[in-house]
Amino acid sequence: MKLYYSPGACSLSPHIVAEEAGIRLQLEKVDLKTRKTADGQDYMAINPKGYVPALVLDSGELLTEGPAIVQYLADLKPATGLAPLAGSLGRYRLQEMLTYIGGELHNNVGPLFNPATSQEIRDERVAALHKRYGLIEKQLQGRSYLIGEQFTAADAYLFVVTNWAQKLKVDLSGFPNLQAFQARVKARPAVQTAMKDEGLLH
């Protein structure tokens, strides 16, 4: 399978899940400004959505959207526990967290990457992020990961989205559980490998 990614973007979460599951992926870097792949292809012709991640399956089909891709990869190796079994309450807890991270964290952080975003809107988004991180902080109280002591695909997604905070100058000092979570996830060997593969660690 081939994963189209951009270093440190949300495509890092399926990269982490694949490493955790022991799934070998072919990696293809995408320049999101030019919409060109590392080998010079027009990325829009591969994925008309124009953003990462995108996963080309062994069948040749294309799967997009990070929350769908991480569940697909996790389900290839159910024994890893990266996704609770379909039909279990744990699976719906996973989907609940993936949806929350995507809709409430990822969407709010997006405008902070745009230098044209006004200070007023930046302040509004940071305030919104702090409110939403307050719920994550409570979720992590007394547990190592979002759904308990088992690392799941949702933890990979939260780690990646939250990892942008420093670059974007979003202060997370008021969230000790979240900060401990970030350090815990970053120390995982699979996370270290994925980040090194993307040139994020040396």
N, C-alpha and C. Protein backbone atom coordinates (compact mmCIF):
# COMPACT_ATOMS: atom_id res chain seq x y z
N MET A 1 0.85 -1.19 0.00
CA MET A 1 0.00 0.00 0.00
C MET A 1 0.89 1.24 0.00
N LYS A 2 0.37 2.31 -0.56
CA LYS A 2 1.12 3.55 -0.63
C LYS A 2 0.37 4.66 0.09
N LEU A 3 1.09 5.35 1.00
CA LEU A 3 0.53 6.48 1.74
C LEU A 3 1.09 7.78 1.17
N TYR A 4 0.20 8.63 0.72
CA TYR A 4 0.58 9.98 0.32
C TYR A 4 0.54 10.86 1.56
N TYR A 5 1.65 11.55 1.81
CA TYR A 5 1.78 12.30 3.05
C TYR A 5 2.51 13.61 2.81
N SER A 6 2.40 14.50 3.78
CA SER A 6 3.23 15.70 3.86
C SER A 6 3.82 15.70 5.26
N PRO A 7 5.12 15.96 5.41
CA PRO A 7 5.77 15.82 6.72
C PRO A 7 5.06 16.59 7.84
N GLY A 8 4.69 15.86 8.88
CA GLY A 8 4.08 16.47 10.06
C GLY A 8 2.61 16.83 9.91
N ALA A 9 2.04 16.66 8.72
CA ALA A 9 0.62 16.94 8.52
C ALA A 9 -0.21 15.83 9.16
N CYS A 10 -1.53 15.92 9.04
CA CYS A 10 -2.39 14.91 9.68
C CYS A 10 -2.15 13.51 9.12
N SER A 11 -1.48 13.42 7.97
CA SER A 11 -1.10 12.12 7.42
C SER A 11 -0.11 11.37 8.30
N LEU A 12 0.49 12.08 9.26
CA LEU A 12 1.38 11.40 10.21
C LEU A 12 0.62 10.39 11.06
N SER A 13 -0.68 10.63 11.31
CA SER A 13 -1.42 9.69 12.18
C SER A 13 -1.58 8.31 11.54
N PRO A 14 -1.97 8.16 10.27
CA PRO A 14 -1.98 6.81 9.70
C PRO A 14 -0.57 6.22 9.57
N HIS A 15 0.42 7.07 9.37
CA HIS A 15 1.81 6.58 9.34
C HIS A 15 2.16 5.96 10.69
N ILE A 16 1.79 6.62 11.78
CA ILE A 16 2.04 6.09 13.13
C ILE A 16 1.27 4.78 13.34
N VAL A 17 -0.01 4.76 12.95
CA VAL A 17 -0.83 3.56 13.13
C VAL A 17 -0.22 2.38 12.36
N ALA A 18 0.24 2.63 11.14
CA ALA A 18 0.87 1.56 10.36
C ALA A 18 2.12 1.04 11.06
N GLU A 19 2.93 1.94 11.59
CA GLU A 19 4.14 1.52 12.32
C GLU A 19 3.77 0.71 13.55
N GLU A 20 2.75 1.19 14.30
CA GLU A 20 2.30 0.46 15.49
C GLU A 20 1.82 -0.94 15.14
N ALA A 21 1.20 -1.07 13.98
CA ALA A 21 0.61 -2.35 13.56
C ALA A 21 1.60 -3.26 12.84
N GLY A 22 2.79 -2.71 12.54
CA GLY A 22 3.77 -3.51 11.80
C GLY A 22 3.41 -3.65 10.34
N ILE A 23 2.70 -2.68 9.78
CA ILE A 23 2.31 -2.68 8.36
C ILE A 23 3.31 -1.83 7.58
N ARG A 24 3.92 -2.41 6.58
CA ARG A 24 4.87 -1.69 5.75
C ARG A 24 4.13 -0.89 4.69
N LEU A 25 4.36 0.40 4.66
CA LEU A 25 3.75 1.27 3.66
C LEU A 25 4.83 1.87 2.77
N GLN A 26 4.50 2.01 1.51
CA GLN A 26 5.33 2.82 0.63
C GLN A 26 4.91 4.27 0.86
N LEU A 27 5.88 5.14 1.08
CA LEU A 27 5.58 6.54 1.37
C LEU A 27 5.84 7.40 0.16
N GLU A 28 4.89 8.28 -0.16
CA GLU A 28 5.04 9.21 -1.27
C GLU A 28 4.76 10.62 -0.76
N LYS A 29 5.80 11.44 -0.74
CA LYS A 29 5.69 12.81 -0.23
C LYS A 29 4.95 13.70 -1.21
N VAL A 30 4.11 14.57 -0.65
CA VAL A 30 3.33 15.51 -1.46
C VAL A 30 3.67 16.94 -1.04
N ASP A 31 3.93 17.79 -2.02
CA ASP A 31 4.09 19.22 -1.76
C ASP A 31 2.69 19.84 -1.85
N LEU A 32 2.16 20.25 -0.71
CA LEU A 32 0.77 20.73 -0.68
C LEU A 32 0.60 22.10 -1.32
N LYS A 33 1.69 22.82 -1.54
CA LYS A 33 1.59 24.11 -2.22
C LYS A 33 1.49 23.94 -3.73
N THR A 34 2.34 23.08 -4.26
CA THR A 34 2.35 22.86 -5.72
C THR A 34 1.40 21.73 -6.14
N ARG A 35 0.93 20.94 -5.16
CA ARG A 35 0.10 19.76 -5.41
C ARG A 35 0.82 18.77 -6.33
N LYS A 36 2.13 18.63 -6.09
CA LYS A 36 2.94 17.67 -6.84
C LYS A 36 3.51 16.64 -5.88
N THR A 37 3.62 15.40 -6.37
CA THR A 37 4.24 14.36 -5.56
C THR A 37 5.76 14.44 -5.74
N ALA A 38 6.48 13.72 -4.89
CA ALA A 38 7.95 13.75 -4.93
C ALA A 38 8.48 13.28 -6.29
N ASP A 39 7.72 12.40 -6.94
CA ASP A 39 8.18 11.93 -8.26
C ASP A 39 7.59 12.74 -9.42
N GLY A 40 6.99 13.91 -9.09
CA GLY A 40 6.56 14.85 -10.13
C GLY A 40 5.14 14.69 -10.65
N GLN A 41 4.37 13.79 -10.05
CA GLN A 41 2.99 13.60 -10.52
C GLN A 41 2.07 14.70 -10.00
N ASP A 42 0.98 14.91 -10.72
CA ASP A 42 -0.05 15.85 -10.31
C ASP A 42 -0.90 15.17 -9.23
N TYR A 43 -0.77 15.64 -8.00
CA TYR A 43 -1.49 14.98 -6.90
C TYR A 43 -3.00 15.10 -7.06
N MET A 44 -3.46 16.19 -7.68
CA MET A 44 -4.91 16.36 -7.88
C MET A 44 -5.48 15.25 -8.77
N ALA A 45 -4.66 14.71 -9.64
CA ALA A 45 -5.11 13.61 -10.51
C ALA A 45 -5.20 12.30 -9.72
N ILE A 46 -4.43 12.21 -8.64
CA ILE A 46 -4.46 11.02 -7.78
C ILE A 46 -5.58 11.14 -6.76
N ASN A 47 -5.63 12.30 -6.09
CA ASN A 47 -6.65 12.57 -5.07
C ASN A 47 -7.25 13.95 -5.34
N PRO A 48 -8.42 14.00 -5.98
CA PRO A 48 -9.03 15.28 -6.33
C PRO A 48 -9.33 16.19 -5.13
N LYS A 49 -9.31 15.64 -3.91
CA LYS A 49 -9.51 16.48 -2.73
C LYS A 49 -8.31 17.39 -2.51
N GLY A 50 -7.14 16.96 -2.96
CA GLY A 50 -5.96 17.81 -2.93
C GLY A 50 -5.22 17.86 -1.61
N TYR A 51 -5.71 17.15 -0.60
CA TYR A 51 -5.00 17.15 0.68
C TYR A 51 -4.62 15.73 1.08
N VAL A 52 -3.79 15.65 2.09
CA VAL A 52 -3.36 14.34 2.60
C VAL A 52 -4.10 14.06 3.91
N PRO A 53 -4.17 12.78 4.30
CA PRO A 53 -3.58 11.60 3.68
C PRO A 53 -4.46 11.00 2.60
N ALA A 54 -3.83 10.18 1.78
CA ALA A 54 -4.54 9.31 0.85
C ALA A 54 -3.78 7.99 0.83
N LEU A 55 -4.52 6.92 0.82
CA LEU A 55 -3.91 5.58 0.86
C LEU A 55 -4.35 4.79 -0.36
N VAL A 56 -3.38 4.35 -1.14
CA VAL A 56 -3.68 3.46 -2.27
C VAL A 56 -3.61 2.04 -1.76
N LEU A 57 -4.73 1.33 -1.83
CA LEU A 57 -4.81 -0.04 -1.33
C LEU A 57 -4.16 -1.00 -2.32
N ASP A 58 -3.92 -2.22 -1.88
CA ASP A 58 -3.33 -3.22 -2.76
C ASP A 58 -4.20 -3.49 -3.98
N SER A 59 -5.50 -3.25 -3.84
CA SER A 59 -6.43 -3.43 -4.96
C SER A 59 -6.34 -2.30 -5.98
N GLY A 60 -5.63 -1.21 -5.61
CA GLY A 60 -5.55 -0.05 -6.49
C GLY A 60 -6.56 1.03 -6.14
N GLU A 61 -7.51 0.69 -5.25
CA GLU A 61 -8.50 1.69 -4.83
C GLU A 61 -7.84 2.74 -3.94
N LEU A 62 -8.44 3.94 -3.95
CA LEU A 62 -7.93 5.03 -3.13
C LEU A 62 -8.86 5.25 -1.95
N LEU A 63 -8.26 5.31 -0.75
CA LEU A 63 -9.01 5.61 0.47
C LEU A 63 -8.49 6.94 1.01
N THR A 64 -9.42 7.86 1.30
CA THR A 64 -9.03 9.16 1.84
C THR A 64 -9.71 9.40 3.18
N GLU A 65 -9.33 10.50 3.82
CA GLU A 65 -9.80 10.95 5.14
C GLU A 65 -9.11 10.14 6.25
N GLY A 66 -8.32 10.87 7.04
CA GLY A 66 -7.53 10.25 8.09
C GLY A 66 -8.27 9.31 9.01
N PRO A 67 -9.44 9.71 9.58
CA PRO A 67 -10.15 8.81 10.49
C PRO A 67 -10.56 7.48 9.84
N ALA A 68 -10.88 7.51 8.54
CA ALA A 68 -11.22 6.26 7.84
C ALA A 68 -9.97 5.42 7.62
N ILE A 69 -8.88 6.08 7.23
CA ILE A 69 -7.63 5.36 6.94
C ILE A 69 -7.08 4.69 8.20
N VAL A 70 -7.07 5.41 9.32
CA VAL A 70 -6.50 4.79 10.54
C VAL A 70 -7.32 3.60 11.00
N GLN A 71 -8.64 3.65 10.83
CA GLN A 71 -9.47 2.50 11.21
C GLN A 71 -9.23 1.33 10.26
N TYR A 72 -9.07 1.63 8.99
CA TYR A 72 -8.80 0.57 8.01
C TYR A 72 -7.49 -0.14 8.36
N LEU A 73 -6.45 0.65 8.60
CA LEU A 73 -5.14 0.06 8.94
C LEU A 73 -5.21 -0.74 10.24
N ALA A 74 -5.87 -0.18 11.24
CA ALA A 74 -6.00 -0.87 12.53
C ALA A 74 -6.74 -2.19 12.39
N ASP A 75 -7.76 -2.20 11.54
CA ASP A 75 -8.55 -3.42 11.37
C ASP A 75 -7.79 -4.52 10.63
N LEU A 76 -6.71 -4.14 9.93
CA LEU A 76 -5.89 -5.17 9.29
C LEU A 76 -5.13 -5.99 10.32
N LYS A 77 -4.93 -5.42 11.50
CA LYS A 77 -4.19 -6.09 12.58
C LYS A 77 -4.97 -5.96 13.89
N PRO A 78 -6.12 -6.64 13.99
CA PRO A 78 -6.99 -6.46 15.15
C PRO A 78 -6.33 -6.81 16.48
N ALA A 79 -5.36 -7.70 16.47
CA ALA A 79 -4.72 -8.11 17.73
C ALA A 79 -3.94 -6.97 18.38
N THR A 80 -3.62 -5.93 17.63
CA THR A 80 -2.86 -4.80 18.19
C THR A 80 -3.70 -3.95 19.14
N GLY A 81 -5.03 -4.01 19.02
CA GLY A 81 -5.90 -3.19 19.85
C GLY A 81 -5.95 -1.73 19.42
N LEU A 82 -5.40 -1.42 18.26
CA LEU A 82 -5.40 -0.03 17.77
C LEU A 82 -6.81 0.47 17.48
N ALA A 83 -7.71 -0.46 17.23
CA ALA A 83 -9.13 -0.14 17.10
C ALA A 83 -9.92 -1.26 17.78
N PRO A 84 -10.75 -0.93 18.76
CA PRO A 84 -11.60 -1.96 19.35
C PRO A 84 -12.47 -2.62 18.27
N LEU A 85 -12.91 -3.82 18.55
CA LEU A 85 -13.66 -4.59 17.55
C LEU A 85 -14.95 -3.89 17.15
N ALA A 86 -15.29 -4.01 15.87
CA ALA A 86 -16.53 -3.44 15.35
C ALA A 86 -17.71 -3.99 16.14
N GLY A 87 -18.63 -3.11 16.48
CA GLY A 87 -19.82 -3.51 17.23
C GLY A 87 -19.67 -3.36 18.73
N SER A 88 -18.43 -3.22 19.21
CA SER A 88 -18.22 -3.04 20.65
C SER A 88 -18.39 -1.57 21.01
N LEU A 89 -18.71 -1.30 22.28
CA LEU A 89 -18.83 0.09 22.72
C LEU A 89 -17.49 0.81 22.54
N GLY A 90 -16.39 0.08 22.76
CA GLY A 90 -15.08 0.67 22.58
C GLY A 90 -14.88 1.23 21.18
N ARG A 91 -15.44 0.53 20.18
CA ARG A 91 -15.30 1.01 18.80
C ARG A 91 -16.02 2.35 18.62
N TYR A 92 -17.17 2.47 19.25
CA TYR A 92 -17.90 3.74 19.13
C TYR A 92 -17.23 4.84 19.94
N ARG A 93 -16.55 4.47 21.01
CA ARG A 93 -15.75 5.45 21.75
C ARG A 93 -14.59 5.95 20.87
N LEU A 94 -13.98 5.03 20.13
CA LEU A 94 -12.92 5.40 19.20
C LEU A 94 -13.45 6.37 18.15
N GLN A 95 -14.59 6.04 17.56
CA GLN A 95 -15.18 6.90 16.53
C GLN A 95 -15.60 8.25 17.12
N GLU A 96 -16.09 8.22 18.34
CA GLU A 96 -16.46 9.45 19.04
C GLU A 96 -15.24 10.37 19.15
N MET A 97 -14.10 9.81 19.55
CA MET A 97 -12.89 10.61 19.72
C MET A 97 -12.33 11.06 18.38
N LEU A 98 -12.32 10.19 17.38
CA LEU A 98 -11.83 10.58 16.05
C LEU A 98 -12.67 11.73 15.48
N THR A 99 -13.98 11.65 15.69
CA THR A 99 -14.88 12.69 15.19
C THR A 99 -14.64 14.01 15.93
N TYR A 100 -14.46 13.93 17.25
CA TYR A 100 -14.23 15.13 18.05
C TYR A 100 -12.90 15.79 17.67
N ILE A 101 -11.86 14.99 17.54
CA ILE A 101 -10.55 15.54 17.18
C ILE A 101 -10.62 16.21 15.80
N GLY A 102 -11.27 15.53 14.85
CA GLY A 102 -11.37 16.08 13.50
C GLY A 102 -12.23 17.33 13.43
N GLY A 103 -13.39 17.27 14.07
CA GLY A 103 -14.34 18.37 13.96
C GLY A 103 -14.05 19.55 14.86
N GLU A 104 -13.56 19.28 16.05
CA GLU A 104 -13.42 20.35 17.04
C GLU A 104 -11.98 20.85 17.22
N LEU A 105 -11.00 19.99 17.01
CA LEU A 105 -9.60 20.42 17.15
C LEU A 105 -8.99 20.73 15.78
N HIS A 106 -9.00 19.76 14.90
CA HIS A 106 -8.38 19.93 13.59
C HIS A 106 -9.00 21.11 12.83
N ASN A 107 -10.31 21.20 12.82
CA ASN A 107 -10.98 22.29 12.09
C ASN A 107 -10.66 23.66 12.68
N ASN A 108 -10.53 23.74 13.99
CA ASN A 108 -10.24 25.03 14.62
C ASN A 108 -8.80 25.45 14.45
N VAL A 109 -7.89 24.50 14.31
CA VAL A 109 -6.49 24.84 14.18
C VAL A 109 -6.14 25.25 12.75
N GLY A 110 -6.91 24.79 11.78
CA GLY A 110 -6.62 25.05 10.37
C GLY A 110 -6.30 26.51 10.03
N PRO A 111 -7.16 27.47 10.42
CA PRO A 111 -6.89 28.87 10.07
C PRO A 111 -5.61 29.43 10.67
N LEU A 112 -5.10 28.80 11.74
CA LEU A 112 -3.88 29.30 12.37
C LEU A 112 -2.65 29.08 11.48
N PHE A 113 -2.76 28.18 10.51
CA PHE A 113 -1.66 27.95 9.58
C PHE A 113 -1.60 29.04 8.50
N ASN A 114 -2.69 29.78 8.34
CA ASN A 114 -2.78 30.79 7.27
C ASN A 114 -2.26 32.13 7.78
N PRO A 115 -1.15 32.64 7.22
CA PRO A 115 -0.61 33.92 7.69
C PRO A 115 -1.55 35.09 7.45
N ALA A 116 -2.53 34.92 6.56
CA ALA A 116 -3.48 36.00 6.28
C ALA A 116 -4.62 36.08 7.31
N THR A 117 -4.70 35.08 8.20
CA THR A 117 -5.75 35.09 9.22
C THR A 117 -5.52 36.26 10.18
N SER A 118 -6.59 37.03 10.43
CA SER A 118 -6.46 38.21 11.29
C SER A 118 -6.21 37.81 12.74
N GLN A 119 -5.65 38.74 13.51
CA GLN A 119 -5.37 38.46 14.92
C GLN A 119 -6.66 38.18 15.68
N GLU A 120 -7.73 38.86 15.32
CA GLU A 120 -9.02 38.65 15.99
C GLU A 120 -9.50 37.21 15.80
N ILE A 121 -9.42 36.72 14.58
CA ILE A 121 -9.85 35.35 14.31
C ILE A 121 -8.90 34.35 14.96
N ARG A 122 -7.60 34.66 14.96
CA ARG A 122 -6.63 33.78 15.62
C ARG A 122 -6.97 33.66 17.10
N ASP A 123 -7.26 34.79 17.73
CA ASP A 123 -7.60 34.77 19.16
C ASP A 123 -8.86 33.96 19.42
N GLU A 124 -9.84 34.10 18.53
CA GLU A 124 -11.09 33.34 18.67
C GLU A 124 -10.82 31.84 18.56
N ARG A 125 -10.00 31.46 17.59
CA ARG A 125 -9.71 30.03 17.38
C ARG A 125 -8.91 29.45 18.54
N VAL A 126 -7.95 30.20 19.04
CA VAL A 126 -7.16 29.71 20.18
C VAL A 126 -8.06 29.53 21.40
N ALA A 127 -8.97 30.48 21.62
CA ALA A 127 -9.92 30.36 22.74
C ALA A 127 -10.80 29.12 22.57
N ALA A 128 -11.23 28.88 21.32
CA ALA A 128 -12.05 27.70 21.05
C ALA A 128 -11.26 26.42 21.28
N LEU A 129 -10.00 26.43 20.87
CA LEU A 129 -9.14 25.25 21.09
C LEU A 129 -8.94 24.99 22.57
N HIS A 130 -8.71 26.04 23.34
CA HIS A 130 -8.52 25.87 24.79
C HIS A 130 -9.76 25.26 25.44
N LYS A 131 -10.92 25.71 25.00
CA LYS A 131 -12.17 25.15 25.55
C LYS A 131 -12.27 23.66 25.22
N ARG A 132 -11.94 23.31 24.00
CA ARG A 132 -12.05 21.91 23.57
C ARG A 132 -10.96 21.04 24.19
N TYR A 133 -9.78 21.62 24.36
CA TYR A 133 -8.73 20.87 25.05
C TYR A 133 -9.07 20.65 26.52
N GLY A 134 -9.90 21.52 27.07
CA GLY A 134 -10.36 21.31 28.45
C GLY A 134 -11.09 19.98 28.60
N LEU A 135 -11.87 19.62 27.59
CA LEU A 135 -12.58 18.33 27.62
C LEU A 135 -11.60 17.16 27.46
N ILE A 136 -10.61 17.34 26.60
CA ILE A 136 -9.58 16.30 26.44
C ILE A 136 -8.81 16.12 27.74
N GLU A 137 -8.49 17.23 28.39
CA GLU A 137 -7.77 17.18 29.67
C GLU A 137 -8.53 16.33 30.69
N LYS A 138 -9.85 16.52 30.76
CA LYS A 138 -10.68 15.70 31.67
C LYS A 138 -10.70 14.24 31.23
N GLN A 139 -10.77 14.02 29.92
CA GLN A 139 -10.79 12.66 29.38
C GLN A 139 -9.53 11.89 29.76
N LEU A 140 -8.41 12.59 29.83
CA LEU A 140 -7.13 11.95 30.13
C LEU A 140 -6.84 11.81 31.62
N GLN A 141 -7.71 12.37 32.45
CA GLN A 141 -7.50 12.29 33.90
C GLN A 141 -7.47 10.83 34.37
N GLY A 142 -6.37 10.42 34.97
CA GLY A 142 -6.29 9.07 35.53
C GLY A 142 -6.11 7.96 34.52
N ARG A 143 -5.81 8.32 33.28
CA ARG A 143 -5.60 7.28 32.26
C ARG A 143 -4.45 7.68 31.34
N SER A 144 -3.84 6.70 30.72
CA SER A 144 -2.69 6.97 29.85
C SER A 144 -3.11 7.45 28.47
N TYR A 145 -4.24 6.94 27.99
CA TYR A 145 -4.68 7.24 26.63
C TYR A 145 -6.17 7.60 26.64
N LEU A 146 -6.67 7.99 25.49
CA LEU A 146 -8.03 8.53 25.43
C LEU A 146 -9.10 7.54 25.86
N ILE A 147 -8.90 6.26 25.54
CA ILE A 147 -9.94 5.28 25.85
C ILE A 147 -9.51 4.38 26.99
N GLY A 148 -8.42 4.70 27.66
CA GLY A 148 -7.96 3.89 28.79
C GLY A 148 -6.47 3.70 28.77
N GLU A 149 -6.02 2.47 28.96
CA GLU A 149 -4.59 2.17 29.00
C GLU A 149 -4.07 1.63 27.67
N GLN A 150 -4.98 1.41 26.72
CA GLN A 150 -4.59 0.88 25.41
C GLN A 150 -4.43 2.02 24.41
N PHE A 151 -3.26 2.12 23.78
CA PHE A 151 -3.03 3.10 22.71
C PHE A 151 -3.89 2.73 21.51
N THR A 152 -4.64 3.71 20.97
CA THR A 152 -5.48 3.46 19.80
C THR A 152 -5.21 4.48 18.70
N ALA A 153 -5.87 4.29 17.59
CA ALA A 153 -5.74 5.19 16.44
C ALA A 153 -6.13 6.61 16.81
N ALA A 154 -7.06 6.78 17.74
CA ALA A 154 -7.46 8.13 18.16
C ALA A 154 -6.32 8.85 18.86
N ASP A 155 -5.50 8.12 19.59
CA ASP A 155 -4.36 8.73 20.27
C ASP A 155 -3.33 9.23 19.26
N ALA A 156 -3.15 8.49 18.17
CA ALA A 156 -2.23 8.93 17.12
C ALA A 156 -2.72 10.24 16.52
N TYR A 157 -4.01 10.35 16.27
CA TYR A 157 -4.58 11.55 15.67
C TYR A 157 -4.48 12.74 16.62
N LEU A 158 -4.81 12.52 17.90
CA LEU A 158 -4.71 13.61 18.87
C LEU A 158 -3.27 14.09 18.98
N PHE A 159 -2.32 13.16 19.03
CA PHE A 159 -0.91 13.53 19.14
C PHE A 159 -0.49 14.43 17.98
N VAL A 160 -0.86 14.06 16.77
CA VAL A 160 -0.44 14.82 15.59
C VAL A 160 -1.04 16.22 15.59
N VAL A 161 -2.34 16.32 15.82
CA VAL A 161 -3.01 17.63 15.82
C VAL A 161 -2.45 18.53 16.92
N THR A 162 -2.19 17.93 18.09
CA THR A 162 -1.69 18.71 19.23
C THR A 162 -0.21 19.06 19.05
N ASN A 163 0.50 18.27 18.29
CA ASN A 163 1.91 18.52 18.04
C ASN A 163 2.13 19.83 17.27
N TRP A 164 1.08 20.34 16.63
CA TRP A 164 1.19 21.60 15.88
C TRP A 164 1.17 22.82 16.81
N ALA A 165 0.77 22.63 18.06
CA ALA A 165 0.53 23.76 18.96
C ALA A 165 1.75 24.66 19.13
N GLN A 166 2.91 24.06 19.31
CA GLN A 166 4.12 24.85 19.56
C GLN A 166 4.43 25.76 18.37
N LYS A 167 4.39 25.18 17.18
CA LYS A 167 4.67 25.95 15.96
C LYS A 167 3.67 27.08 15.79
N LEU A 168 2.42 26.83 16.18
CA LEU A 168 1.34 27.81 15.99
C LEU A 168 1.17 28.73 17.20
N LYS A 169 2.05 28.56 18.19
CA LYS A 169 2.02 29.39 19.40
C LYS A 169 0.68 29.29 20.15
N VAL A 170 0.19 28.05 20.26
CA VAL A 170 -1.00 27.77 21.07
C VAL A 170 -0.49 27.26 22.42
N ASP A 171 -0.73 28.02 23.47
CA ASP A 171 -0.21 27.70 24.80
C ASP A 171 -1.00 26.55 25.43
N LEU A 172 -0.32 25.46 25.73
CA LEU A 172 -0.97 24.29 26.34
C LEU A 172 -0.52 24.09 27.79
N SER A 173 0.10 25.13 28.38
CA SER A 173 0.64 24.98 29.73
C SER A 173 -0.44 24.71 30.78
N GLY A 174 -1.68 25.06 30.49
CA GLY A 174 -2.77 24.82 31.44
C GLY A 174 -3.35 23.43 31.38
N PHE A 175 -2.72 22.54 30.58
CA PHE A 175 -3.26 21.19 30.38
C PHE A 175 -2.19 20.14 30.68
N PRO A 176 -1.90 19.91 31.97
CA PRO A 176 -0.82 18.98 32.32
C PRO A 176 -1.07 17.54 31.87
N ASN A 177 -2.31 17.08 31.90
CA ASN A 177 -2.59 15.72 31.44
C ASN A 177 -2.30 15.59 29.95
N LEU A 178 -2.66 16.60 29.20
CA LEU A 178 -2.42 16.60 27.76
C LEU A 178 -0.92 16.65 27.46
N GLN A 179 -0.19 17.47 28.21
CA GLN A 179 1.25 17.57 28.01
C GLN A 179 1.94 16.23 28.32
N ALA A 180 1.49 15.58 29.37
CA ALA A 180 2.05 14.27 29.72
C ALA A 180 1.72 13.24 28.64
N PHE A 181 0.50 13.34 28.11
CA PHE A 181 0.07 12.45 27.02
C PHE A 181 0.98 12.64 25.80
N GLN A 182 1.24 13.90 25.43
CA GLN A 182 2.07 14.17 24.26
C GLN A 182 3.47 13.57 24.43
N ALA A 183 4.04 13.73 25.62
CA ALA A 183 5.36 13.17 25.88
C ALA A 183 5.33 11.64 25.84
N ARG A 184 4.27 11.06 26.39
CA ARG A 184 4.12 9.60 26.43
C ARG A 184 4.03 9.02 25.02
N VAL A 185 3.22 9.66 24.18
CA VAL A 185 3.05 9.16 22.81
C VAL A 185 4.33 9.37 22.01
N LYS A 186 4.94 10.53 22.15
CA LYS A 186 6.16 10.81 21.38
C LYS A 186 7.27 9.81 21.69
N ALA A 187 7.29 9.28 22.90
CA ALA A 187 8.32 8.33 23.31
C ALA A 187 8.10 6.92 22.75
N ARG A 188 6.92 6.65 22.19
CA ARG A 188 6.65 5.32 21.66
C ARG A 188 7.56 5.03 20.46
N PRO A 189 8.16 3.85 20.40
CA PRO A 189 9.09 3.55 19.30
C PRO A 189 8.48 3.74 17.91
N ALA A 190 7.22 3.33 17.73
CA ALA A 190 6.59 3.48 16.41
C ALA A 190 6.43 4.94 16.03
N VAL A 191 6.14 5.78 17.01
CA VAL A 191 5.98 7.21 16.76
C VAL A 191 7.33 7.82 16.39
N GLN A 192 8.36 7.42 17.12
CA GLN A 192 9.72 7.89 16.81
C GLN A 192 10.11 7.50 15.38
N THR A 193 9.82 6.27 15.00
CA THR A 193 10.15 5.80 13.65
C THR A 193 9.42 6.60 12.58
N ALA A 194 8.10 6.79 12.77
CA ALA A 194 7.30 7.53 11.78
C ALA A 194 7.80 8.96 11.66
N MET A 195 8.11 9.60 12.78
CA MET A 195 8.58 10.98 12.74
C MET A 195 9.96 11.07 12.07
N LYS A 196 10.82 10.10 12.33
CA LYS A 196 12.14 10.10 11.68
C LYS A 196 11.99 9.89 10.18
N ASP A 197 11.09 9.00 9.78
CA ASP A 197 10.84 8.76 8.35
C ASP A 197 10.40 10.03 7.63
N GLU A 198 9.69 10.90 8.34
CA GLU A 198 9.19 12.13 7.73
C GLU A 198 10.13 13.32 7.93
N GLY A 199 11.31 13.04 8.51
CA GLY A 199 12.30 14.09 8.70
C GLY A 199 11.98 15.04 9.84
N LEU A 200 11.14 14.61 10.77
CA LEU A 200 10.71 15.45 11.88
C LEU A 200 11.61 15.29 13.11
N LEU A 201 12.37 14.19 13.14
CA LEU A 201 13.34 13.94 14.21
C LEU A 201 14.64 13.51 13.57
N HIS A 202 15.73 13.86 14.20
CA HIS A 202 17.03 13.52 13.64
C HIS A 202 17.86 12.74 14.67
